[in-house]
Amino acid sequence: MQFGGYAVAIVLIVEDEDQVRVLAESFLQGEGHTTLSAATVDQAVALLESEGPIDVLFADVAIQDDPEAGLTLASKAVERRPALKVLYTSDQGVTDGMQALFAKNSAFLPKPYTVDQLTGMLLVKFGFGGTSQKKTDTKSRRVGSRQRSPDFNHGNGRPGCDPSFGRCVSRLEKSCNLLQGQYGHARTKHEQCPKP
């Protein structure tokens, strides 16, 4: 799809880590792309079997403790949709054997990645540039990092507001960090951030 001279994509994000999936969706939508998302292979298969268009499958290699679920999913998805492009991601190393299983028309983006790296990969590898050319501080934010993220500032001095969501976020308690995969932030409030 073309928008203002830039090609935008319909991206199916398959990621079992809620925070990583939500951040990737937010960043891609901010660049003008349309996103669909799935936390499980079954959810992804249901979306892929629908008649709706999907340009790019953006899948974690390991989904729900299966170290090759993303590879298997992508292989089946490309059989059903031969023009589908696949962008794999992982916070683990990828072996030569795993790379041999990558689908045709695919690329790999290691975690953690920045929004610039994600959108750059979509542009360089697949020709989808998005619509936003605006550079913001959120573009250097790493997605998929298991390290504690810095506090955000919405431009009004209020820490905890993430402009990529337009919503407030807060620190998780120490015990929740362990349960939530060691992430330092999660979307816990649904009110809008105050306007600067």
N, C-alpha and C. Protein backbone atom coordinates (compact mmCIF):
# COMPACT_ATOMS: atom_id res chain seq x y z
N MET A 1 0.85 -1.16 0.00
CA MET A 1 0.00 0.00 0.00
C MET A 1 0.90 1.24 0.00
N GLN A 2 0.55 2.24 -0.77
CA GLN A 2 1.31 3.48 -0.84
C GLN A 2 0.60 4.55 -0.04
N PHE A 3 1.36 5.34 0.71
CA PHE A 3 0.80 6.45 1.46
C PHE A 3 1.79 7.60 1.37
N GLY A 4 1.42 8.66 0.71
CA GLY A 4 2.28 9.82 0.61
C GLY A 4 3.63 9.52 -0.02
N GLY A 5 3.68 8.56 -0.96
CA GLY A 5 4.92 8.23 -1.63
C GLY A 5 5.74 7.16 -0.94
N TYR A 6 5.34 6.73 0.26
CA TYR A 6 6.06 5.70 0.99
C TYR A 6 5.23 4.43 1.05
N ALA A 7 5.88 3.29 0.90
CA ALA A 7 5.17 2.02 0.99
C ALA A 7 5.00 1.66 2.47
N VAL A 8 3.78 1.37 2.85
CA VAL A 8 3.51 0.91 4.21
C VAL A 8 3.07 -0.54 4.14
N ALA A 9 3.27 -1.26 5.23
CA ALA A 9 3.01 -2.69 5.25
C ALA A 9 1.93 -3.04 6.26
N ILE A 10 1.33 -4.19 6.03
CA ILE A 10 0.48 -4.83 7.03
C ILE A 10 1.36 -5.90 7.65
N VAL A 11 1.68 -5.72 8.93
CA VAL A 11 2.65 -6.57 9.62
C VAL A 11 1.96 -7.40 10.68
N LEU A 12 2.13 -8.71 10.61
CA LEU A 12 1.66 -9.62 11.65
C LEU A 12 2.82 -9.85 12.62
N ILE A 13 2.66 -9.39 13.85
CA ILE A 13 3.68 -9.53 14.88
C ILE A 13 3.33 -10.75 15.73
N VAL A 14 4.26 -11.70 15.81
CA VAL A 14 4.05 -12.89 16.63
C VAL A 14 5.12 -12.88 17.71
N GLU A 15 4.70 -12.56 18.92
CA GLU A 15 5.63 -12.38 20.04
C GLU A 15 4.90 -12.76 21.32
N ASP A 16 5.46 -13.67 22.10
CA ASP A 16 4.79 -14.11 23.32
C ASP A 16 5.07 -13.22 24.53
N GLU A 17 6.03 -12.32 24.44
CA GLU A 17 6.29 -11.35 25.51
C GLU A 17 5.39 -10.14 25.27
N ASP A 18 4.42 -9.95 26.16
CA ASP A 18 3.42 -8.89 25.98
C ASP A 18 4.04 -7.52 25.76
N GLN A 19 4.99 -7.13 26.60
CA GLN A 19 5.55 -5.79 26.50
C GLN A 19 6.28 -5.59 25.17
N VAL A 20 7.02 -6.59 24.75
CA VAL A 20 7.76 -6.47 23.48
C VAL A 20 6.77 -6.35 22.32
N ARG A 21 5.71 -7.16 22.34
CA ARG A 21 4.70 -7.12 21.27
C ARG A 21 4.02 -5.75 21.21
N VAL A 22 3.64 -5.22 22.37
CA VAL A 22 2.95 -3.93 22.43
C VAL A 22 3.86 -2.80 21.95
N LEU A 23 5.12 -2.83 22.36
CA LEU A 23 6.06 -1.80 21.91
C LEU A 23 6.28 -1.87 20.40
N ALA A 24 6.47 -3.08 19.87
CA ALA A 24 6.67 -3.23 18.43
C ALA A 24 5.45 -2.72 17.67
N GLU A 25 4.25 -3.07 18.16
CA GLU A 25 3.02 -2.58 17.52
C GLU A 25 2.98 -1.05 17.53
N SER A 26 3.26 -0.47 18.68
CA SER A 26 3.22 0.98 18.82
C SER A 26 4.19 1.66 17.87
N PHE A 27 5.41 1.17 17.82
CA PHE A 27 6.42 1.77 16.96
C PHE A 27 6.04 1.64 15.48
N LEU A 28 5.59 0.46 15.07
CA LEU A 28 5.23 0.26 13.66
C LEU A 28 4.01 1.10 13.28
N GLN A 29 3.03 1.17 14.15
CA GLN A 29 1.86 2.01 13.88
C GLN A 29 2.26 3.47 13.79
N GLY A 30 3.20 3.88 14.62
CA GLY A 30 3.70 5.25 14.57
C GLY A 30 4.40 5.58 13.27
N GLU A 31 4.89 4.57 12.58
CA GLU A 31 5.54 4.75 11.28
C GLU A 31 4.53 4.61 10.13
N GLY A 32 3.25 4.41 10.46
CA GLY A 32 2.21 4.33 9.44
C GLY A 32 1.84 2.94 9.00
N HIS A 33 2.50 1.92 9.55
CA HIS A 33 2.19 0.54 9.18
C HIS A 33 0.94 0.08 9.93
N THR A 34 0.23 -0.88 9.35
CA THR A 34 -0.90 -1.52 10.01
C THR A 34 -0.38 -2.77 10.68
N THR A 35 -0.82 -3.04 11.91
CA THR A 35 -0.33 -4.22 12.61
C THR A 35 -1.47 -5.14 13.02
N LEU A 36 -1.15 -6.41 12.99
CA LEU A 36 -1.96 -7.47 13.58
C LEU A 36 -1.03 -8.12 14.59
N SER A 37 -1.56 -8.70 15.66
CA SER A 37 -0.65 -9.31 16.61
C SER A 37 -1.20 -10.61 17.16
N ALA A 38 -0.24 -11.46 17.54
CA ALA A 38 -0.57 -12.76 18.11
C ALA A 38 0.46 -13.09 19.17
N ALA A 39 -0.01 -13.69 20.26
CA ALA A 39 0.88 -14.10 21.34
C ALA A 39 1.22 -15.59 21.24
N THR A 40 0.46 -16.32 20.43
CA THR A 40 0.68 -17.76 20.30
C THR A 40 0.71 -18.15 18.82
N VAL A 41 1.22 -19.33 18.57
CA VAL A 41 1.24 -19.85 17.20
C VAL A 41 -0.19 -20.04 16.70
N ASP A 42 -1.08 -20.55 17.55
CA ASP A 42 -2.47 -20.76 17.14
C ASP A 42 -3.15 -19.46 16.72
N GLN A 43 -2.92 -18.39 17.47
CA GLN A 43 -3.49 -17.09 17.10
C GLN A 43 -2.93 -16.62 15.77
N ALA A 44 -1.63 -16.83 15.57
CA ALA A 44 -1.00 -16.41 14.31
C ALA A 44 -1.55 -17.20 13.14
N VAL A 45 -1.71 -18.51 13.32
CA VAL A 45 -2.25 -19.36 12.25
C VAL A 45 -3.65 -18.91 11.87
N ALA A 46 -4.48 -18.59 12.86
CA ALA A 46 -5.84 -18.12 12.57
C ALA A 46 -5.81 -16.85 11.72
N LEU A 47 -4.92 -15.93 12.03
CA LEU A 47 -4.80 -14.70 11.24
C LEU A 47 -4.26 -14.99 9.84
N LEU A 48 -3.30 -15.88 9.75
CA LEU A 48 -2.72 -16.22 8.44
C LEU A 48 -3.71 -16.98 7.56
N GLU A 49 -4.62 -17.73 8.15
CA GLU A 49 -5.62 -18.47 7.38
C GLU A 49 -6.80 -17.60 6.96
N SER A 50 -6.88 -16.39 7.51
CA SER A 50 -7.95 -15.48 7.09
C SER A 50 -7.63 -14.96 5.69
N GLU A 51 -8.59 -14.31 5.10
CA GLU A 51 -8.40 -13.79 3.74
C GLU A 51 -7.79 -12.39 3.73
N GLY A 52 -7.62 -11.80 4.91
CA GLY A 52 -7.07 -10.44 4.99
C GLY A 52 -5.63 -10.39 4.52
N PRO A 53 -5.22 -9.25 3.96
CA PRO A 53 -3.84 -9.11 3.47
C PRO A 53 -2.83 -9.03 4.62
N ILE A 54 -1.68 -9.62 4.42
CA ILE A 54 -0.55 -9.53 5.33
C ILE A 54 0.70 -9.47 4.45
N ASP A 55 1.51 -8.44 4.65
CA ASP A 55 2.72 -8.27 3.85
C ASP A 55 3.95 -8.88 4.51
N VAL A 56 4.04 -8.72 5.84
CA VAL A 56 5.24 -9.15 6.57
C VAL A 56 4.83 -9.92 7.82
N LEU A 57 5.46 -11.06 8.03
CA LEU A 57 5.35 -11.81 9.28
C LEU A 57 6.59 -11.45 10.10
N PHE A 58 6.39 -10.83 11.26
CA PHE A 58 7.49 -10.45 12.15
C PHE A 58 7.38 -11.36 13.36
N ALA A 59 8.21 -12.40 13.40
CA ALA A 59 8.03 -13.46 14.40
C ALA A 59 9.30 -13.72 15.20
N ASP A 60 9.10 -13.90 16.49
CA ASP A 60 10.18 -14.36 17.35
C ASP A 60 10.48 -15.81 16.94
N VAL A 61 11.74 -16.19 16.93
CA VAL A 61 12.11 -17.56 16.58
C VAL A 61 11.56 -18.52 17.61
N ALA A 62 11.68 -18.18 18.89
CA ALA A 62 11.19 -19.02 19.99
C ALA A 62 9.88 -18.44 20.50
N ILE A 63 8.84 -19.27 20.51
CA ILE A 63 7.53 -18.84 21.00
C ILE A 63 7.05 -19.86 22.01
N GLN A 64 6.70 -19.39 23.19
CA GLN A 64 6.16 -20.23 24.26
C GLN A 64 7.02 -21.47 24.53
N ASP A 65 8.27 -21.24 24.82
CA ASP A 65 9.21 -22.30 25.19
C ASP A 65 9.54 -23.30 24.08
N ASP A 66 9.06 -23.07 22.87
CA ASP A 66 9.46 -23.90 21.73
C ASP A 66 10.52 -23.12 20.96
N PRO A 67 11.78 -23.58 20.99
CA PRO A 67 12.86 -22.78 20.41
C PRO A 67 12.81 -22.61 18.89
N GLU A 68 11.94 -23.36 18.21
CA GLU A 68 11.85 -23.24 16.76
C GLU A 68 10.42 -22.99 16.27
N ALA A 69 9.53 -22.60 17.17
CA ALA A 69 8.13 -22.40 16.78
C ALA A 69 7.98 -21.33 15.71
N GLY A 70 8.76 -20.25 15.80
CA GLY A 70 8.69 -19.18 14.81
C GLY A 70 9.16 -19.63 13.44
N LEU A 71 10.17 -20.51 13.43
CA LEU A 71 10.66 -21.06 12.16
C LEU A 71 9.59 -21.92 11.49
N THR A 72 8.97 -22.78 12.26
CA THR A 72 7.93 -23.67 11.74
C THR A 72 6.73 -22.85 11.25
N LEU A 73 6.33 -21.87 12.05
CA LEU A 73 5.21 -21.00 11.68
C LEU A 73 5.50 -20.29 10.36
N ALA A 74 6.68 -19.72 10.23
CA ALA A 74 7.04 -18.97 9.01
C ALA A 74 7.04 -19.88 7.80
N SER A 75 7.55 -21.08 7.95
CA SER A 75 7.59 -22.03 6.83
C SER A 75 6.18 -22.33 6.33
N LYS A 76 5.27 -22.61 7.26
CA LYS A 76 3.87 -22.89 6.89
C LYS A 76 3.18 -21.66 6.32
N ALA A 77 3.50 -20.49 6.88
CA ALA A 77 2.88 -19.24 6.41
C ALA A 77 3.28 -18.94 4.98
N VAL A 78 4.55 -19.16 4.64
CA VAL A 78 5.03 -18.88 3.28
C VAL A 78 4.45 -19.90 2.29
N GLU A 79 4.20 -21.13 2.74
CA GLU A 79 3.53 -22.10 1.86
C GLU A 79 2.14 -21.61 1.51
N ARG A 80 1.43 -21.05 2.48
CA ARG A 80 0.07 -20.56 2.26
C ARG A 80 0.06 -19.22 1.51
N ARG A 81 1.05 -18.38 1.79
CA ARG A 81 1.14 -17.05 1.20
C ARG A 81 2.55 -16.86 0.63
N PRO A 82 2.78 -17.31 -0.59
CA PRO A 82 4.14 -17.29 -1.16
C PRO A 82 4.79 -15.90 -1.24
N ALA A 83 4.03 -14.85 -1.34
CA ALA A 83 4.60 -13.49 -1.43
C ALA A 83 4.92 -12.91 -0.05
N LEU A 84 4.58 -13.62 1.01
CA LEU A 84 4.82 -13.13 2.37
C LEU A 84 6.31 -12.98 2.65
N LYS A 85 6.66 -11.85 3.24
CA LYS A 85 8.03 -11.62 3.66
C LYS A 85 8.11 -11.90 5.16
N VAL A 86 9.25 -12.42 5.60
CA VAL A 86 9.39 -12.83 7.00
C VAL A 86 10.57 -12.11 7.63
N LEU A 87 10.32 -11.49 8.77
CA LEU A 87 11.37 -10.89 9.59
C LEU A 87 11.39 -11.65 10.90
N TYR A 88 12.49 -12.37 11.13
CA TYR A 88 12.67 -13.13 12.37
C TYR A 88 13.36 -12.24 13.39
N THR A 89 13.12 -12.54 14.67
CA THR A 89 13.83 -11.86 15.75
C THR A 89 14.06 -12.85 16.87
N SER A 90 15.08 -12.58 17.69
CA SER A 90 15.37 -13.44 18.84
C SER A 90 16.38 -12.74 19.74
N ASP A 91 16.27 -13.03 21.03
CA ASP A 91 17.28 -12.53 21.96
C ASP A 91 18.32 -13.61 22.23
N GLN A 92 18.22 -14.72 21.54
CA GLN A 92 19.19 -15.81 21.62
C GLN A 92 19.99 -15.85 20.33
N GLY A 93 21.12 -16.49 20.37
CA GLY A 93 21.90 -16.64 19.15
C GLY A 93 21.18 -17.54 18.15
N VAL A 94 21.40 -17.29 16.89
CA VAL A 94 20.81 -18.11 15.84
C VAL A 94 21.93 -18.91 15.19
N THR A 95 21.76 -20.21 15.16
CA THR A 95 22.78 -21.09 14.60
C THR A 95 22.68 -21.15 13.08
N ASP A 96 23.73 -21.66 12.45
CA ASP A 96 23.71 -21.84 11.00
C ASP A 96 22.58 -22.80 10.60
N GLY A 97 22.35 -23.80 11.43
CA GLY A 97 21.26 -24.75 11.16
C GLY A 97 19.90 -24.08 11.17
N MET A 98 19.71 -23.15 12.11
CA MET A 98 18.45 -22.40 12.16
C MET A 98 18.32 -21.48 10.96
N GLN A 99 19.42 -20.82 10.58
CA GLN A 99 19.37 -19.93 9.42
C GLN A 99 19.04 -20.71 8.15
N ALA A 100 19.46 -21.95 8.08
CA ALA A 100 19.13 -22.77 6.92
C ALA A 100 17.63 -23.03 6.82
N LEU A 101 16.92 -22.91 7.95
CA LEU A 101 15.48 -23.12 7.97
C LEU A 101 14.69 -21.83 7.72
N PHE A 102 15.39 -20.70 7.61
CA PHE A 102 14.70 -19.44 7.35
C PHE A 102 13.96 -19.51 6.01
N ALA A 103 12.79 -18.90 5.96
CA ALA A 103 12.00 -18.85 4.74
C ALA A 103 12.68 -17.96 3.70
N LYS A 104 12.32 -18.18 2.44
CA LYS A 104 12.77 -17.31 1.36
C LYS A 104 12.17 -15.92 1.62
N ASN A 105 12.82 -14.86 1.15
CA ASN A 105 12.37 -13.48 1.39
C ASN A 105 12.33 -13.15 2.88
N SER A 106 13.37 -13.53 3.59
CA SER A 106 13.38 -13.28 5.03
C SER A 106 14.65 -12.53 5.44
N ALA A 107 14.59 -12.03 6.68
CA ALA A 107 15.73 -11.34 7.28
C ALA A 107 15.68 -11.60 8.78
N PHE A 108 16.77 -11.27 9.46
CA PHE A 108 16.85 -11.49 10.90
C PHE A 108 17.24 -10.19 11.59
N LEU A 109 16.53 -9.86 12.68
CA LEU A 109 16.79 -8.67 13.49
C LEU A 109 16.98 -9.13 14.94
N PRO A 110 18.21 -9.06 15.46
CA PRO A 110 18.44 -9.52 16.83
C PRO A 110 17.84 -8.57 17.87
N LYS A 111 17.36 -9.15 18.97
CA LYS A 111 16.89 -8.36 20.11
C LYS A 111 18.08 -8.09 21.01
N PRO A 112 18.08 -6.99 21.71
CA PRO A 112 17.13 -5.88 21.62
C PRO A 112 17.40 -5.05 20.37
N TYR A 113 16.36 -4.45 19.84
CA TYR A 113 16.49 -3.61 18.66
C TYR A 113 15.82 -2.27 18.92
N THR A 114 16.25 -1.27 18.18
CA THR A 114 15.62 0.05 18.28
C THR A 114 14.56 0.16 17.19
N VAL A 115 13.72 1.17 17.32
CA VAL A 115 12.70 1.39 16.29
C VAL A 115 13.37 1.74 14.96
N ASP A 116 14.50 2.45 14.99
CA ASP A 116 15.21 2.75 13.76
C ASP A 116 15.70 1.47 13.09
N GLN A 117 16.20 0.53 13.87
CA GLN A 117 16.66 -0.73 13.31
C GLN A 117 15.49 -1.52 12.71
N LEU A 118 14.36 -1.54 13.42
CA LEU A 118 13.18 -2.25 12.93
C LEU A 118 12.65 -1.64 11.64
N THR A 119 12.46 -0.33 11.64
CA THR A 119 11.92 0.31 10.43
C THR A 119 12.95 0.30 9.31
N GLY A 120 14.24 0.39 9.65
CA GLY A 120 15.29 0.29 8.64
C GLY A 120 15.30 -1.06 7.97
N MET A 121 15.10 -2.12 8.75
CA MET A 121 15.06 -3.47 8.20
C MET A 121 13.87 -3.62 7.25
N LEU A 122 12.72 -3.09 7.64
CA LEU A 122 11.55 -3.17 6.76
C LEU A 122 11.79 -2.44 5.45
N LEU A 123 12.49 -1.30 5.51
CA LEU A 123 12.77 -0.53 4.31
C LEU A 123 13.83 -1.20 3.44
N VAL A 124 14.96 -1.53 4.02
CA VAL A 124 16.09 -2.04 3.26
C VAL A 124 15.82 -3.45 2.71
N LYS A 125 15.30 -4.32 3.53
CA LYS A 125 15.09 -5.71 3.10
C LYS A 125 13.82 -5.92 2.30
N PHE A 126 12.76 -5.15 2.64
CA PHE A 126 11.46 -5.44 2.03
C PHE A 126 10.83 -4.27 1.29
N GLY A 127 11.42 -3.07 1.37
CA GLY A 127 10.90 -1.92 0.63
C GLY A 127 9.74 -1.20 1.27
N PHE A 128 9.47 -1.45 2.57
CA PHE A 128 8.38 -0.78 3.27
C PHE A 128 8.97 0.31 4.16
N GLY A 129 8.78 1.58 3.74
CA GLY A 129 9.40 2.69 4.45
C GLY A 129 8.55 3.35 5.50
N GLY A 130 7.26 3.14 5.48
CA GLY A 130 6.40 3.82 6.44
C GLY A 130 6.16 5.26 6.04
N THR A 131 5.44 5.98 6.87
CA THR A 131 5.06 7.35 6.55
C THR A 131 5.73 8.39 7.41
N SER A 132 6.26 8.00 8.55
CA SER A 132 6.82 8.98 9.47
C SER A 132 8.30 9.16 9.22
N GLN A 133 8.71 10.38 9.00
CA GLN A 133 10.12 10.69 8.84
C GLN A 133 10.62 11.44 10.07
N LYS A 134 9.74 11.64 11.06
CA LYS A 134 10.07 12.40 12.26
C LYS A 134 10.94 11.55 13.19
N LYS A 135 12.00 12.14 13.68
CA LYS A 135 12.89 11.46 14.62
C LYS A 135 12.52 11.88 16.03
N THR A 136 12.34 10.92 16.92
CA THR A 136 12.04 11.21 18.32
C THR A 136 12.95 10.41 19.22
N ASP A 137 12.96 10.80 20.49
CA ASP A 137 13.77 10.08 21.47
C ASP A 137 13.36 8.63 21.59
N THR A 138 12.12 8.30 21.35
CA THR A 138 11.67 6.92 21.50
C THR A 138 12.31 6.01 20.47
N LYS A 139 12.85 6.55 19.39
CA LYS A 139 13.44 5.70 18.37
C LYS A 139 14.72 5.04 18.83
N SER A 140 15.34 5.55 19.85
CA SER A 140 16.54 4.91 20.36
C SER A 140 16.21 3.90 21.46
N ARG A 141 14.95 3.83 21.84
CA ARG A 141 14.52 2.89 22.86
C ARG A 141 14.64 1.48 22.32
N ARG A 142 15.19 0.60 23.09
CA ARG A 142 15.38 -0.78 22.66
C ARG A 142 14.16 -1.61 22.99
N VAL A 143 13.71 -2.38 22.00
CA VAL A 143 12.59 -3.29 22.17
C VAL A 143 13.17 -4.68 22.36
N GLY A 144 12.61 -5.41 23.31
CA GLY A 144 13.05 -6.78 23.51
C GLY A 144 14.20 -6.91 24.47
N SER A 145 14.61 -5.83 25.08
CA SER A 145 15.71 -5.87 26.03
C SER A 145 15.22 -6.41 27.36
N ARG A 146 16.02 -7.26 27.94
CA ARG A 146 15.67 -7.79 29.25
C ARG A 146 16.28 -6.93 30.35
N GLN A 147 16.86 -5.82 29.98
CA GLN A 147 17.42 -4.91 30.96
C GLN A 147 16.39 -3.87 31.33
N ARG A 148 16.57 -3.28 32.50
CA ARG A 148 15.65 -2.25 32.98
C ARG A 148 15.74 -1.04 32.05
N SER A 149 14.59 -0.57 31.59
CA SER A 149 14.53 0.59 30.70
C SER A 149 14.57 1.87 31.51
N PRO A 150 15.06 2.96 30.93
CA PRO A 150 15.06 4.24 31.65
C PRO A 150 13.64 4.79 31.76
N ASP A 151 13.45 5.70 32.73
CA ASP A 151 12.16 6.37 32.82
C ASP A 151 11.96 7.22 31.59
N PHE A 152 10.73 7.41 31.21
CA PHE A 152 10.41 8.26 30.07
C PHE A 152 9.90 9.59 30.57
N ASN A 153 9.96 10.57 29.73
CA ASN A 153 9.49 11.89 30.08
C ASN A 153 8.67 12.39 28.89
N HIS A 154 7.45 12.76 29.14
CA HIS A 154 6.53 13.15 28.08
C HIS A 154 6.77 14.59 27.62
N GLY A 155 7.84 15.20 28.07
CA GLY A 155 8.11 16.57 27.67
C GLY A 155 7.58 17.56 28.67
N ASN A 156 6.90 17.06 29.71
CA ASN A 156 6.36 17.94 30.72
C ASN A 156 7.03 17.70 32.07
N GLY A 157 8.16 16.97 32.06
CA GLY A 157 8.88 16.72 33.29
C GLY A 157 8.33 15.58 34.11
N ARG A 158 7.24 14.98 33.67
CA ARG A 158 6.63 13.89 34.43
C ARG A 158 7.25 12.57 34.03
N PRO A 159 8.05 11.95 34.91
CA PRO A 159 8.64 10.66 34.55
C PRO A 159 7.57 9.59 34.47
N GLY A 160 7.85 8.57 33.68
CA GLY A 160 6.93 7.46 33.57
C GLY A 160 5.99 7.56 32.40
N CYS A 161 6.03 8.62 31.63
CA CYS A 161 5.15 8.74 30.48
C CYS A 161 5.93 8.39 29.22
N ASP A 162 5.47 7.45 28.49
CA ASP A 162 6.13 6.98 27.28
C ASP A 162 5.40 7.57 26.08
N PRO A 163 6.01 8.51 25.37
CA PRO A 163 5.32 9.16 24.25
C PRO A 163 5.00 8.21 23.11
N SER A 164 5.66 7.06 23.02
CA SER A 164 5.33 6.14 21.94
C SER A 164 3.98 5.50 22.19
N PHE A 165 3.54 5.42 23.44
CA PHE A 165 2.21 4.90 23.75
C PHE A 165 1.20 6.03 23.87
N GLY A 166 1.69 7.21 24.32
CA GLY A 166 0.75 8.27 24.65
C GLY A 166 -0.01 7.91 25.92
N ARG A 167 0.51 6.95 26.64
CA ARG A 167 -0.12 6.51 27.88
C ARG A 167 0.94 6.47 28.97
N CYS A 168 0.49 6.50 30.20
CA CYS A 168 1.43 6.47 31.31
C CYS A 168 1.84 5.05 31.62
N VAL A 169 3.08 4.89 32.02
CA VAL A 169 3.60 3.61 32.44
C VAL A 169 4.20 3.78 33.83
N SER A 170 4.33 2.72 34.54
CA SER A 170 4.92 2.81 35.87
C SER A 170 5.85 1.64 36.12
N ARG A 171 6.75 1.80 37.06
CA ARG A 171 7.69 0.74 37.43
C ARG A 171 6.92 -0.42 38.04
N LEU A 172 7.33 -1.63 37.70
CA LEU A 172 6.76 -2.80 38.33
C LEU A 172 7.48 -3.05 39.65
N GLU A 173 6.80 -3.70 40.55
CA GLU A 173 7.45 -4.08 41.80
C GLU A 173 8.51 -5.13 41.50
N LYS A 174 9.47 -5.28 42.40
CA LYS A 174 10.58 -6.20 42.19
C LYS A 174 10.09 -7.62 41.91
N SER A 175 9.11 -8.09 42.66
CA SER A 175 8.60 -9.45 42.45
C SER A 175 7.91 -9.57 41.09
N CYS A 176 7.25 -8.52 40.64
CA CYS A 176 6.61 -8.56 39.33
C CYS A 176 7.64 -8.61 38.21
N ASN A 177 8.80 -7.95 38.43
CA ASN A 177 9.86 -8.00 37.43
C ASN A 177 10.26 -9.44 37.15
N LEU A 178 10.38 -10.22 38.20
CA LEU A 178 10.75 -11.62 38.02
C LEU A 178 9.68 -12.37 37.24
N LEU A 179 8.42 -12.10 37.57
CA LEU A 179 7.32 -12.78 36.89
C LEU A 179 7.14 -12.30 35.45
N GLN A 180 7.46 -11.05 35.20
CA GLN A 180 7.26 -10.46 33.87
C GLN A 180 8.52 -10.51 33.02
N GLY A 181 9.43 -11.42 33.30
CA GLY A 181 10.60 -11.58 32.45
C GLY A 181 11.65 -10.51 32.64
N GLN A 182 11.75 -9.95 33.86
CA GLN A 182 12.78 -8.98 34.20
C GLN A 182 12.60 -7.64 33.49
N TYR A 183 11.42 -7.30 33.00
CA TYR A 183 11.21 -6.01 32.36
C TYR A 183 10.99 -4.95 33.42
N GLY A 184 11.49 -3.78 33.14
CA GLY A 184 11.39 -2.68 34.09
C GLY A 184 10.14 -1.85 33.96
N HIS A 185 9.44 -1.94 32.84
CA HIS A 185 8.23 -1.15 32.62
C HIS A 185 7.15 -2.05 32.05
N ALA A 186 5.95 -1.71 32.31
CA ALA A 186 4.81 -2.36 31.66
C ALA A 186 3.68 -1.35 31.63
N ARG A 187 2.79 -1.50 30.68
CA ARG A 187 1.63 -0.62 30.63
C ARG A 187 0.68 -1.05 31.74
N THR A 188 0.57 -0.24 32.76
CA THR A 188 -0.29 -0.60 33.87
C THR A 188 -1.44 0.38 34.06
N LYS A 189 -1.33 1.58 33.51
CA LYS A 189 -2.38 2.58 33.63
C LYS A 189 -2.94 2.85 32.26
N HIS A 190 -4.22 3.12 32.21
CA HIS A 190 -4.87 3.32 30.92
C HIS A 190 -5.29 4.77 30.71
N GLU A 191 -4.88 5.67 31.60
CA GLU A 191 -5.24 7.07 31.38
C GLU A 191 -4.26 7.70 30.39
N GLN A 192 -4.69 8.72 29.75
CA GLN A 192 -3.84 9.43 28.81
C GLN A 192 -2.81 10.27 29.57
N CYS A 193 -1.63 10.41 29.00
CA CYS A 193 -0.62 11.29 29.59
C CYS A 193 -1.09 12.73 29.45
N PRO A 194 -0.73 13.56 30.39
CA PRO A 194 -1.12 14.98 30.26
C PRO A 194 -0.43 15.61 29.07
N LYS A 195 -1.09 16.56 28.47
CA LYS A 195 -0.54 17.28 27.33
C LYS A 195 0.55 18.23 27.81
N PRO A 196 1.66 18.37 27.05
CA PRO A 196 2.73 19.29 27.49
C PRO A 196 2.27 20.73 27.47
